[in-house]
Structures are given as C-alpha cells and as structure tokens.
Amino acid sequence: MKGLFVAGTGTDLGKTHIACALLRAARAQGLSVDAFKPVVSGFDPAEPQTSDPARLAAALGRPDAWPQVSPRRYRAPLAPNLAARLEGDTLAMADLVADCRTWLETRDVDLALVEGAGGVMSPMTDDATNLDLMTALALPVLLVAGSYLGTASHLLTALEVVRARGLTVAAVVVSESLDAPDLSQTVEMLRAFEQQTPIVVAPREAEWDAGELADLFLA
C-alpha cells in the first residue's frame, strides 16, 4: 500500500480538489483507493453533499461513504479545535493519531490518502498542529500550494518545517488560485528555488486529469 498525507501551505488552496483528482486518476489506472480526513470543520449536516468528505467519497466511487471518510465533523468554519469546542468536544492529538493509524492499518488498497485540515502549521487541537499529526504518521507528504502573490514564501517555509521534522515531500502541487489564474511565471519561479521535489501544476478544473501526478507515486 502507498500512503500519502495531503497537506497545504495554507487554507482553501485546493487540497481536496487535488486529492479527489489523484483518487480518480488512480482508479482510472485500475488501482484500489481510499481516503480519510480525520476531522473536518465547516460541515453542514443539512447539505453533506457539498462537504469535503462527500467530495472525497464521490472520487472513491462510493458517494455514501462520507461518514467513514470523516468521522469527526463540526459545523463552525473555524480551526478544528475551536469548532469542536463550540459543540462541547475537546480534540486531542492522541485521538486523531489513533484514528488515522487504525484506518491505515485496516486498509487493503493500492493508495491510501490522509488529508489534513488547513495549512501545515494550522492548529488541530489546543496544543498541536497539523504538522504534529503529519510527524506522528510519518507518511510521505503531497504538499499543495497556491499560485497567488506570496506563495513562494509560504511554500518554501512549509518545505523547511516539514523537512525539519524528518518528513519526505513526495511532490508539490501548485494549485491555481482563483484570483491568480496565470500559473506559468509562479511555477517557473518556484522551480528555481525548489529542485529536490517534482512540481506539478493543477488548474481548478472540476475534472482535472491528475495522471501526471499519479504516475509519480504509482508507476
């Protein structure tokens, strides 16, 4: 089994868009896939079909599986620890790590994706960040950046802190920012500074073909 942790340099950059495209591309190659987002905030139980778990479940070909994709769901569009607190819950990193490890240990698939919440250093609990979860799981990282002005600093900083924890960055995806559609100059600049890791370009097209990205992991 190939496991990957999908992380972002910030929030709302298209992590789920990239994860879904990668799942579809792997399935198109005849591979078995699964996905897990251990906690999600901003979840509207009245319209679950619009949520990240539902999008991931649809990409798996199992649209009704969203409750299993994200077992911890909170309504407020806030950091998970804050959203949980509003509903009387307290998130603990040990529990999130245990959830992920149990899920990974029980998968019998070719590709298993774990998707984080927010950016690399976004708080997940009152005393731990996304990076702490990534470190505990020690999966290769698929790092998603945007194409907006300032993304170079955010990406290079994220690469530094992720690698400082001993994690491997398997690939970087530059996801088209909605207010910065021209990717060419941004990607050219990033490739000049980051030469260790493949950089893949991802437009925000609903059915973007992630075959190039899948080939990096699944060849």
Protein backbone atom coordinates (compact mmCIF):
# COMPACT_ATOMS: atom_id res chain seq x y z
CA MET A 1 0.00 0.00 0.00
CA LYS A 2 1.15 3.51 -0.83
CA GLY A 3 0.16 6.05 1.83
CA LEU A 4 0.25 9.82 1.35
CA PHE A 5 -0.57 12.77 3.57
CA VAL A 6 -2.14 15.64 1.63
CA ALA A 7 -1.13 18.92 3.27
CA GLY A 8 -1.36 22.56 2.27
CA THR A 9 0.81 25.61 2.72
CA GLY A 10 -2.37 27.38 3.85
CA THR A 11 -6.16 27.15 3.89
CA ASP A 12 -8.53 26.90 0.91
CA LEU A 13 -5.81 26.17 -1.65
CA GLY A 14 -7.44 23.13 -3.21
CA LYS A 15 -6.20 20.18 -1.13
CA THR A 16 -9.44 18.29 -1.59
CA HIS A 17 -9.55 19.19 -5.30
CA ILE A 18 -6.07 17.67 -5.72
CA ALA A 19 -6.84 14.64 -3.55
CA CYS A 20 -10.01 13.89 -5.50
CA ALA A 21 -8.23 14.19 -8.83
CA LEU A 22 -5.47 11.86 -7.66
CA LEU A 23 -8.02 9.29 -6.45
CA ARG A 24 -9.83 9.40 -9.80
CA ALA A 25 -6.55 9.06 -11.72
CA ALA A 26 -5.51 6.06 -9.64
CA ARG A 27 -8.88 4.40 -10.16
CA ALA A 28 -8.58 5.04 -13.90
CA GLN A 29 -5.35 3.03 -13.79
CA GLY A 30 -7.25 0.14 -12.23
CA LEU A 31 -5.93 0.70 -8.70
CA SER A 32 -7.85 0.48 -5.44
CA VAL A 33 -8.02 3.64 -3.35
CA ASP A 34 -9.34 5.03 -0.09
CA ALA A 35 -9.28 8.39 1.68
CA PHE A 36 -9.53 9.67 5.24
CA LYS A 37 -9.94 13.20 6.58
CA PRO A 38 -9.80 12.69 10.35
CA VAL A 39 -11.55 15.93 11.22
CA VAL A 40 -13.48 18.49 9.22
CA SER A 41 -14.96 21.82 10.26
CA GLY A 42 -17.44 23.98 8.40
CA PHE A 43 -19.59 20.88 7.85
CA ASP A 44 -23.28 21.50 7.20
CA PRO A 45 -25.24 18.34 8.10
CA ALA A 46 -28.19 19.68 6.11
CA GLU A 47 -26.08 19.65 2.92
CA PRO A 48 -23.41 16.98 3.37
CA GLN A 49 -23.04 16.61 -0.38
CA THR A 50 -21.21 19.97 -0.54
CA SER A 51 -18.58 18.97 2.02
CA ASP A 52 -15.00 17.81 1.57
CA PRO A 53 -15.82 14.30 2.90
CA ALA A 54 -18.59 13.97 0.30
CA ARG A 55 -16.28 15.12 -2.50
CA LEU A 56 -13.67 12.57 -1.43
CA ALA A 57 -16.28 9.83 -1.18
CA ALA A 58 -17.52 10.63 -4.68
CA ALA A 59 -13.95 10.43 -6.01
CA LEU A 60 -13.68 7.00 -4.39
CA GLY A 61 -16.76 5.91 -6.31
CA ARG A 62 -18.62 5.46 -3.02
CA PRO A 63 -20.68 8.63 -2.62
CA ASP A 64 -22.46 7.38 0.52
CA ALA A 65 -19.17 6.73 2.36
CA TRP A 66 -18.60 10.30 3.56
CA PRO A 67 -19.35 9.47 7.24
CA GLN A 68 -16.45 7.00 7.18
CA VAL A 69 -14.18 9.40 5.30
CA SER A 70 -14.53 12.00 8.08
CA PRO A 71 -15.75 10.58 11.41
CA ARG A 72 -15.26 13.85 13.32
CA ARG A 73 -17.39 16.61 11.80
CA TYR A 74 -18.12 20.08 13.18
CA ARG A 75 -20.36 22.86 11.94
CA ALA A 76 -18.39 26.06 12.53
CA PRO A 77 -15.95 27.11 9.77
CA LEU A 78 -13.13 27.51 12.29
CA ALA A 79 -9.96 25.68 13.26
CA PRO A 80 -11.00 22.15 14.29
CA ASN A 81 -10.23 22.67 17.98
CA LEU A 82 -12.36 25.83 18.09
CA ALA A 83 -15.20 24.28 16.09
CA ALA A 84 -15.19 21.23 18.37
CA ARG A 85 -15.28 23.39 21.50
CA LEU A 86 -18.46 25.10 20.28
CA GLU A 87 -20.12 21.67 20.25
CA GLY A 88 -18.82 20.65 23.67
CA ASP A 89 -15.97 18.49 22.40
CA THR A 90 -12.24 18.68 23.05
CA LEU A 91 -9.96 17.35 20.35
CA ALA A 92 -6.81 15.52 21.44
CA MET A 93 -3.91 14.81 19.12
CA ALA A 94 -3.52 11.31 20.56
CA ASP A 95 -7.09 10.51 19.45
CA LEU A 96 -6.56 11.90 15.93
CA VAL A 97 -3.33 9.94 15.55
CA ALA A 98 -5.06 6.78 16.79
CA ASP A 99 -7.93 7.30 14.35
CA CYS A 100 -5.51 7.65 11.44
CA ARG A 101 -3.33 4.71 12.44
CA THR A 102 -6.32 2.42 12.87
CA TRP A 103 -7.65 3.48 9.49
CA LEU A 104 -4.28 2.96 7.78
CA GLU A 105 -3.74 -0.43 9.42
CA THR A 106 -7.09 -1.68 8.19
CA ARG A 107 -6.76 -0.55 4.57
CA ASP A 108 -6.11 -3.11 1.87
CA VAL A 109 -5.74 -0.75 -1.09
CA ASP A 110 -3.08 0.42 -3.52
CA LEU A 111 -3.33 4.08 -2.49
CA ALA A 112 -4.48 5.47 0.87
CA LEU A 113 -4.73 9.25 1.25
CA VAL A 114 -4.95 11.09 4.57
CA GLU A 115 -5.95 14.73 4.17
CA GLY A 116 -5.18 17.32 6.82
CA ALA A 117 -7.19 20.38 7.79
CA GLY A 118 -5.92 23.84 6.89
CA GLY A 119 -2.22 24.53 6.46
CA VAL A 120 0.87 22.74 7.68
CA MET A 121 1.01 24.78 10.88
CA SER A 122 -2.74 25.19 11.38
CA PRO A 123 -3.92 24.23 14.89
CA MET A 124 -5.72 20.90 15.08
CA THR A 125 -6.06 20.73 18.85
CA ASP A 126 -5.45 23.22 21.65
CA ASP A 127 -1.78 22.24 21.81
CA ALA A 128 -0.87 20.63 18.47
CA THR A 129 -0.84 21.47 14.78
CA ASN A 130 -1.36 19.67 11.50
CA LEU A 131 2.41 19.18 11.41
CA ASP A 132 2.28 17.21 14.65
CA LEU A 133 -0.22 14.81 13.07
CA MET A 134 1.93 14.52 9.95
CA THR A 135 5.02 13.79 12.06
CA ALA A 136 3.25 11.11 14.09
CA LEU A 137 2.05 9.31 10.95
CA ALA A 138 5.36 9.74 9.08
CA LEU A 139 3.73 9.38 5.66
CA PRO A 140 5.24 10.93 2.54
CA VAL A 141 3.72 14.37 2.02
CA LEU A 142 1.90 15.70 -1.02
CA LEU A 143 2.22 19.44 -0.44
CA VAL A 144 -0.33 21.74 -2.09
CA ALA A 145 0.48 25.42 -2.67
CA GLY A 146 -1.39 28.22 -4.40
CA SER A 147 -0.38 30.44 -7.31
CA TYR A 148 -1.15 33.76 -5.60
CA LEU A 149 1.34 36.53 -4.90
CA GLY A 150 3.32 35.45 -1.85
CA THR A 151 3.00 31.74 -2.40
CA ALA A 152 6.77 31.32 -2.83
CA SER A 153 7.45 32.37 0.74
CA HIS A 154 4.65 30.18 2.08
CA LEU A 155 5.78 27.14 0.10
CA LEU A 156 9.49 27.45 0.89
CA THR A 157 8.71 27.98 4.58
CA ALA A 158 6.43 24.92 4.62
CA LEU A 159 9.11 22.82 2.92
CA GLU A 160 11.65 23.87 5.56
CA VAL A 161 9.47 22.99 8.54
CA VAL A 162 8.19 19.73 7.06
CA ARG A 163 11.70 18.54 6.26
CA ALA A 164 12.95 19.68 9.66
CA ARG A 165 10.59 17.06 11.15
CA GLY A 166 12.25 14.37 9.05
CA LEU A 167 9.34 14.01 6.63
CA THR A 168 9.66 13.34 2.91
CA VAL A 169 7.91 15.66 0.48
CA ALA A 170 6.95 13.36 -2.37
CA ALA A 171 5.63 16.11 -4.64
CA VAL A 172 4.50 19.71 -4.69
CA VAL A 173 1.30 20.70 -6.48
CA VAL A 174 0.77 24.32 -7.44
CA SER A 175 -2.99 24.67 -7.42
CA GLU A 176 -4.47 27.52 -9.41
CA SER A 177 -5.61 30.31 -7.10
CA LEU A 178 -8.92 31.74 -8.24
CA ASP A 179 -7.56 35.29 -8.20
CA ALA A 180 -4.27 34.37 -9.91
CA PRO A 181 -5.03 32.15 -12.89
CA ASP A 182 -1.67 32.56 -14.70
CA LEU A 183 0.47 29.76 -13.29
CA SER A 184 3.45 29.84 -15.62
CA GLN A 185 5.54 32.57 -14.00
CA THR A 186 4.80 31.35 -10.48
CA VAL A 187 5.77 27.77 -11.28
CA GLU A 188 8.95 28.85 -13.10
CA MET A 189 10.00 30.86 -10.06
CA LEU A 190 9.23 28.04 -7.63
CA ARG A 191 11.18 25.52 -9.66
CA ALA A 192 14.23 27.77 -9.47
CA PHE A 193 14.13 27.61 -5.67
CA GLU A 194 12.88 24.05 -5.16
CA GLN A 195 14.80 21.48 -7.18
CA GLN A 196 14.58 18.43 -4.90
CA THR A 197 10.93 17.66 -5.46
CA PRO A 198 8.71 17.37 -8.58
CA ILE A 199 6.33 20.29 -9.01
CA VAL A 200 3.02 19.59 -10.75
CA VAL A 201 0.61 22.25 -11.98
CA ALA A 202 -3.11 21.85 -11.24
CA PRO A 203 -5.79 24.08 -12.79
CA ARG A 204 -9.06 24.44 -10.90
CA GLU A 205 -10.98 22.49 -13.50
CA ALA A 206 -13.58 20.20 -11.98
CA GLU A 207 -12.36 17.16 -13.91
CA TRP A 208 -8.64 17.95 -13.99
CA ASP A 209 -6.71 14.85 -15.07
CA ALA A 210 -4.10 14.10 -12.40
CA GLY A 211 -2.47 11.33 -14.42
CA GLU A 212 0.94 13.04 -14.29
CA LEU A 213 0.69 13.27 -10.53
CA ALA A 214 -0.47 9.67 -10.17
CA ASP A 215 2.46 8.47 -12.25
CA LEU A 216 4.90 9.98 -9.74
CA PHE A 217 3.55 7.75 -6.98
CA LEU A 218 2.07 4.73 -8.67
CA ALA A 219 4.38 3.84 -11.56
